[in-house]
Amino acid sequence: MKHSYPNPSADASRKLAMTFRARAARGQSMIEFVVICAALVAALFVPVIDDVSGGRRLSTAQLLIDSLQQGYQRTSGALSLPE
């Protein structure tokens, strides 16, 4: 029966390879995160035509802010009415 003894240099090279792969995976996920965030920011600020406001070119962020303001005004107006 043969016994295999651990090889310290093989263990060190295996550990180094695992560290390199982990670092590469972290680097790839960071690039994916940056690309997705850039795409979301670009999508928020690309001008689109808003038919409700008379065909003005507004960004998605501006449309969202306008909708939130209108909703708040309507809600506060409804709450201020007498019972």
N, C-alpha and C. Protein backbone atom coordinates (compact mmCIF):
# COMPACT_ATOMS: atom_id res chain seq x y z
N MET A 1 0.85 -1.17 0.00
CA MET A 1 0.00 0.00 0.00
C MET A 1 0.89 1.23 0.00
N LYS A 2 0.66 2.10 -0.96
CA LYS A 2 1.46 3.31 -1.07
C LYS A 2 0.81 4.44 -0.30
N HIS A 3 1.63 5.23 0.34
CA HIS A 3 1.14 6.44 1.01
C HIS A 3 1.58 7.64 0.20
N SER A 4 0.66 8.55 -0.02
CA SER A 4 1.07 9.78 -0.71
C SER A 4 1.23 10.88 0.33
N TYR A 5 2.35 11.49 0.28
CA TYR A 5 2.65 12.56 1.21
C TYR A 5 2.36 13.89 0.54
N PRO A 6 1.87 14.85 1.28
CA PRO A 6 1.55 16.15 0.66
C PRO A 6 2.81 16.82 0.11
N ASN A 7 2.64 17.39 -1.03
CA ASN A 7 3.73 18.09 -1.69
C ASN A 7 3.54 19.59 -1.43
N PRO A 8 4.42 20.22 -0.64
CA PRO A 8 4.21 21.62 -0.29
C PRO A 8 4.24 22.55 -1.49
N SER A 9 5.06 22.28 -2.48
CA SER A 9 5.11 23.17 -3.64
C SER A 9 3.84 23.02 -4.49
N ALA A 10 3.29 21.82 -4.58
CA ALA A 10 2.04 21.61 -5.32
C ALA A 10 0.89 22.30 -4.60
N ASP A 11 0.88 22.22 -3.27
CA ASP A 11 -0.17 22.89 -2.50
C ASP A 11 -0.07 24.40 -2.67
N ALA A 12 1.15 24.93 -2.67
CA ALA A 12 1.33 26.37 -2.83
C ALA A 12 0.88 26.82 -4.22
N SER A 13 1.21 26.06 -5.25
CA SER A 13 0.82 26.46 -6.60
C SER A 13 -0.70 26.33 -6.78
N ARG A 14 -1.30 25.32 -6.16
CA ARG A 14 -2.76 25.17 -6.21
C ARG A 14 -3.44 26.34 -5.52
N LYS A 15 -2.91 26.74 -4.38
CA LYS A 15 -3.47 27.86 -3.63
C LYS A 15 -3.33 29.17 -4.43
N LEU A 16 -2.18 29.35 -5.07
CA LEU A 16 -1.95 30.53 -5.89
C LEU A 16 -2.91 30.58 -7.06
N ALA A 17 -3.15 29.43 -7.69
CA ALA A 17 -4.08 29.37 -8.82
C ALA A 17 -5.50 29.69 -8.36
N MET A 18 -5.90 29.19 -7.20
CA MET A 18 -7.23 29.48 -6.67
C MET A 18 -7.36 30.96 -6.35
N THR A 19 -6.31 31.56 -5.79
CA THR A 19 -6.34 32.98 -5.48
C THR A 19 -6.46 33.80 -6.75
N PHE A 20 -5.72 33.42 -7.79
CA PHE A 20 -5.78 34.13 -9.05
C PHE A 20 -7.17 34.05 -9.66
N ARG A 21 -7.79 32.85 -9.64
CA ARG A 21 -9.14 32.69 -10.19
C ARG A 21 -10.15 33.50 -9.40
N ALA A 22 -10.02 33.53 -8.08
CA ALA A 22 -10.94 34.31 -7.26
C ALA A 22 -10.80 35.80 -7.56
N ARG A 23 -9.57 36.25 -7.71
CA ARG A 23 -9.33 37.66 -8.01
C ARG A 23 -9.87 38.01 -9.40
N ALA A 24 -9.70 37.12 -10.36
CA ALA A 24 -10.21 37.36 -11.71
C ALA A 24 -11.74 37.40 -11.71
N ALA A 25 -12.35 36.53 -10.92
CA ALA A 25 -13.81 36.52 -10.84
C ALA A 25 -14.32 37.81 -10.20
N ARG A 26 -13.62 38.29 -9.17
CA ARG A 26 -14.02 39.55 -8.55
C ARG A 26 -13.87 40.69 -9.55
N GLY A 27 -12.81 40.67 -10.34
CA GLY A 27 -12.61 41.71 -11.34
C GLY A 27 -13.68 41.70 -12.40
N GLN A 28 -14.09 40.51 -12.82
CA GLN A 28 -15.14 40.40 -13.83
C GLN A 28 -16.47 40.90 -13.28
N SER A 29 -16.79 40.56 -12.05
CA SER A 29 -18.06 41.02 -11.49
C SER A 29 -18.06 42.53 -11.30
N MET A 30 -16.91 43.12 -11.00
CA MET A 30 -16.83 44.57 -10.87
C MET A 30 -17.09 45.24 -12.21
N ILE A 31 -16.54 44.68 -13.29
CA ILE A 31 -16.77 45.24 -14.62
C ILE A 31 -18.24 45.10 -15.00
N GLU A 32 -18.86 43.97 -14.71
CA GLU A 32 -20.28 43.78 -15.00
C GLU A 32 -21.13 44.78 -14.23
N PHE A 33 -20.79 45.02 -12.97
CA PHE A 33 -21.52 45.98 -12.14
C PHE A 33 -21.43 47.38 -12.74
N VAL A 34 -20.23 47.78 -13.15
CA VAL A 34 -20.04 49.12 -13.72
C VAL A 34 -20.81 49.27 -15.03
N VAL A 35 -20.78 48.24 -15.87
CA VAL A 35 -21.49 48.30 -17.14
C VAL A 35 -23.00 48.41 -16.92
N ILE A 36 -23.53 47.63 -16.00
CA ILE A 36 -24.97 47.67 -15.72
C ILE A 36 -25.37 49.02 -15.13
N CYS A 37 -24.58 49.55 -14.21
CA CYS A 37 -24.88 50.87 -13.63
C CYS A 37 -24.83 51.96 -14.68
N ALA A 38 -23.85 51.89 -15.57
CA ALA A 38 -23.75 52.89 -16.64
C ALA A 38 -24.96 52.81 -17.57
N ALA A 39 -25.41 51.60 -17.87
CA ALA A 39 -26.58 51.44 -18.73
C ALA A 39 -27.84 51.99 -18.05
N LEU A 40 -27.99 51.77 -16.75
CA LEU A 40 -29.15 52.30 -16.03
C LEU A 40 -29.12 53.82 -15.99
N VAL A 41 -27.97 54.40 -15.72
CA VAL A 41 -27.86 55.87 -15.69
C VAL A 41 -28.16 56.44 -17.07
N ALA A 42 -27.63 55.82 -18.11
CA ALA A 42 -27.91 56.29 -19.47
C ALA A 42 -29.40 56.19 -19.79
N ALA A 43 -30.04 55.13 -19.35
CA ALA A 43 -31.47 54.96 -19.61
C ALA A 43 -32.30 56.01 -18.87
N LEU A 44 -31.84 56.43 -17.71
CA LEU A 44 -32.59 57.45 -16.96
C LEU A 44 -32.50 58.83 -17.59
N PHE A 45 -31.41 59.11 -18.29
CA PHE A 45 -31.21 60.47 -18.78
C PHE A 45 -31.31 60.61 -20.30
N VAL A 46 -31.72 59.56 -20.99
CA VAL A 46 -31.96 59.66 -22.43
C VAL A 46 -33.30 60.36 -22.62
N PRO A 47 -33.35 61.42 -23.44
CA PRO A 47 -34.61 62.13 -23.61
C PRO A 47 -35.63 61.30 -24.39
N VAL A 48 -36.85 61.34 -23.94
CA VAL A 48 -37.96 60.68 -24.63
C VAL A 48 -39.06 61.73 -24.82
N ILE A 49 -39.96 61.49 -25.74
CA ILE A 49 -41.04 62.44 -26.00
C ILE A 49 -42.21 62.10 -25.08
N ASP A 50 -42.67 63.11 -24.35
CA ASP A 50 -43.79 62.93 -23.44
C ASP A 50 -45.04 63.51 -24.10
N ASP A 51 -45.98 62.66 -24.46
CA ASP A 51 -47.19 63.13 -25.14
C ASP A 51 -48.10 63.92 -24.20
N VAL A 52 -48.05 63.64 -22.91
CA VAL A 52 -48.91 64.30 -21.94
C VAL A 52 -48.54 65.78 -21.81
N SER A 53 -47.26 66.09 -21.85
CA SER A 53 -46.82 67.47 -21.64
C SER A 53 -46.69 68.24 -22.94
N GLY A 54 -47.35 67.81 -23.98
CA GLY A 54 -47.34 68.55 -25.24
C GLY A 54 -46.17 68.22 -26.13
N GLY A 55 -45.59 67.07 -26.02
CA GLY A 55 -44.51 66.65 -26.90
C GLY A 55 -43.15 67.16 -26.52
N ARG A 56 -42.99 67.62 -25.27
CA ARG A 56 -41.66 68.05 -24.83
C ARG A 56 -40.75 66.85 -24.74
N ARG A 57 -39.43 67.09 -24.92
CA ARG A 57 -38.45 66.01 -24.78
C ARG A 57 -37.94 66.03 -23.34
N LEU A 58 -38.37 65.05 -22.58
CA LEU A 58 -37.97 64.93 -21.18
C LEU A 58 -37.23 63.62 -20.98
N SER A 59 -36.35 63.59 -20.00
CA SER A 59 -35.67 62.34 -19.67
C SER A 59 -36.59 61.49 -18.80
N THR A 60 -36.24 60.23 -18.70
CA THR A 60 -37.02 59.32 -17.87
C THR A 60 -37.01 59.76 -16.41
N ALA A 61 -35.87 60.28 -15.96
CA ALA A 61 -35.78 60.78 -14.57
C ALA A 61 -36.72 61.96 -14.37
N GLN A 62 -36.79 62.87 -15.35
CA GLN A 62 -37.69 64.01 -15.23
C GLN A 62 -39.15 63.57 -15.23
N LEU A 63 -39.48 62.59 -16.07
CA LEU A 63 -40.85 62.06 -16.08
C LEU A 63 -41.21 61.43 -14.74
N LEU A 64 -40.26 60.70 -14.16
CA LEU A 64 -40.49 60.08 -12.86
C LEU A 64 -40.71 61.14 -11.78
N ILE A 65 -39.87 62.16 -11.78
CA ILE A 65 -40.01 63.23 -10.78
C ILE A 65 -41.34 63.96 -10.96
N ASP A 66 -41.71 64.27 -12.21
CA ASP A 66 -42.99 64.93 -12.46
C ASP A 66 -44.16 64.08 -11.97
N SER A 67 -44.11 62.78 -12.21
CA SER A 67 -45.19 61.89 -11.76
C SER A 67 -45.28 61.84 -10.25
N LEU A 68 -44.14 61.79 -9.58
CA LEU A 68 -44.15 61.79 -8.12
C LEU A 68 -44.69 63.11 -7.57
N GLN A 69 -44.34 64.23 -8.18
CA GLN A 69 -44.85 65.52 -7.74
C GLN A 69 -46.37 65.60 -7.91
N GLN A 70 -46.87 65.15 -9.06
CA GLN A 70 -48.31 65.16 -9.29
C GLN A 70 -49.04 64.27 -8.30
N GLY A 71 -48.49 63.10 -8.05
CA GLY A 71 -49.11 62.20 -7.07
C GLY A 71 -49.14 62.80 -5.68
N TYR A 72 -48.06 63.47 -5.28
CA TYR A 72 -48.01 64.11 -3.96
C TYR A 72 -49.02 65.25 -3.89
N GLN A 73 -49.11 66.07 -4.95
CA GLN A 73 -50.07 67.17 -4.95
C GLN A 73 -51.50 66.66 -4.86
N ARG A 74 -51.81 65.62 -5.59
CA ARG A 74 -53.17 65.06 -5.56
C ARG A 74 -53.49 64.45 -4.20
N THR A 75 -52.50 63.75 -3.61
CA THR A 75 -52.73 63.15 -2.30
C THR A 75 -52.92 64.21 -1.24
N SER A 76 -52.05 65.23 -1.24
CA SER A 76 -52.18 66.28 -0.22
C SER A 76 -53.46 67.08 -0.44
N GLY A 77 -53.88 67.26 -1.70
CA GLY A 77 -55.13 67.94 -1.96
C GLY A 77 -56.32 67.14 -1.47
N ALA A 78 -56.28 65.83 -1.66
CA ALA A 78 -57.38 64.97 -1.18
C ALA A 78 -57.42 64.93 0.34
N LEU A 79 -56.26 64.96 1.00
CA LEU A 79 -56.23 64.93 2.47
C LEU A 79 -56.68 66.25 3.07
N SER A 80 -56.54 67.34 2.33
CA SER A 80 -56.91 68.63 2.89
C SER A 80 -58.40 68.93 2.75
N LEU A 81 -59.13 68.12 2.01
CA LEU A 81 -60.57 68.34 1.85
C LEU A 81 -61.29 68.05 3.17
N PRO A 82 -62.35 68.82 3.45
CA PRO A 82 -63.10 68.55 4.69
C PRO A 82 -63.86 67.23 4.56
N GLU A 83 -64.10 66.63 5.67
CA GLU A 83 -64.80 65.33 5.67
C GLU A 83 -66.26 65.47 5.43
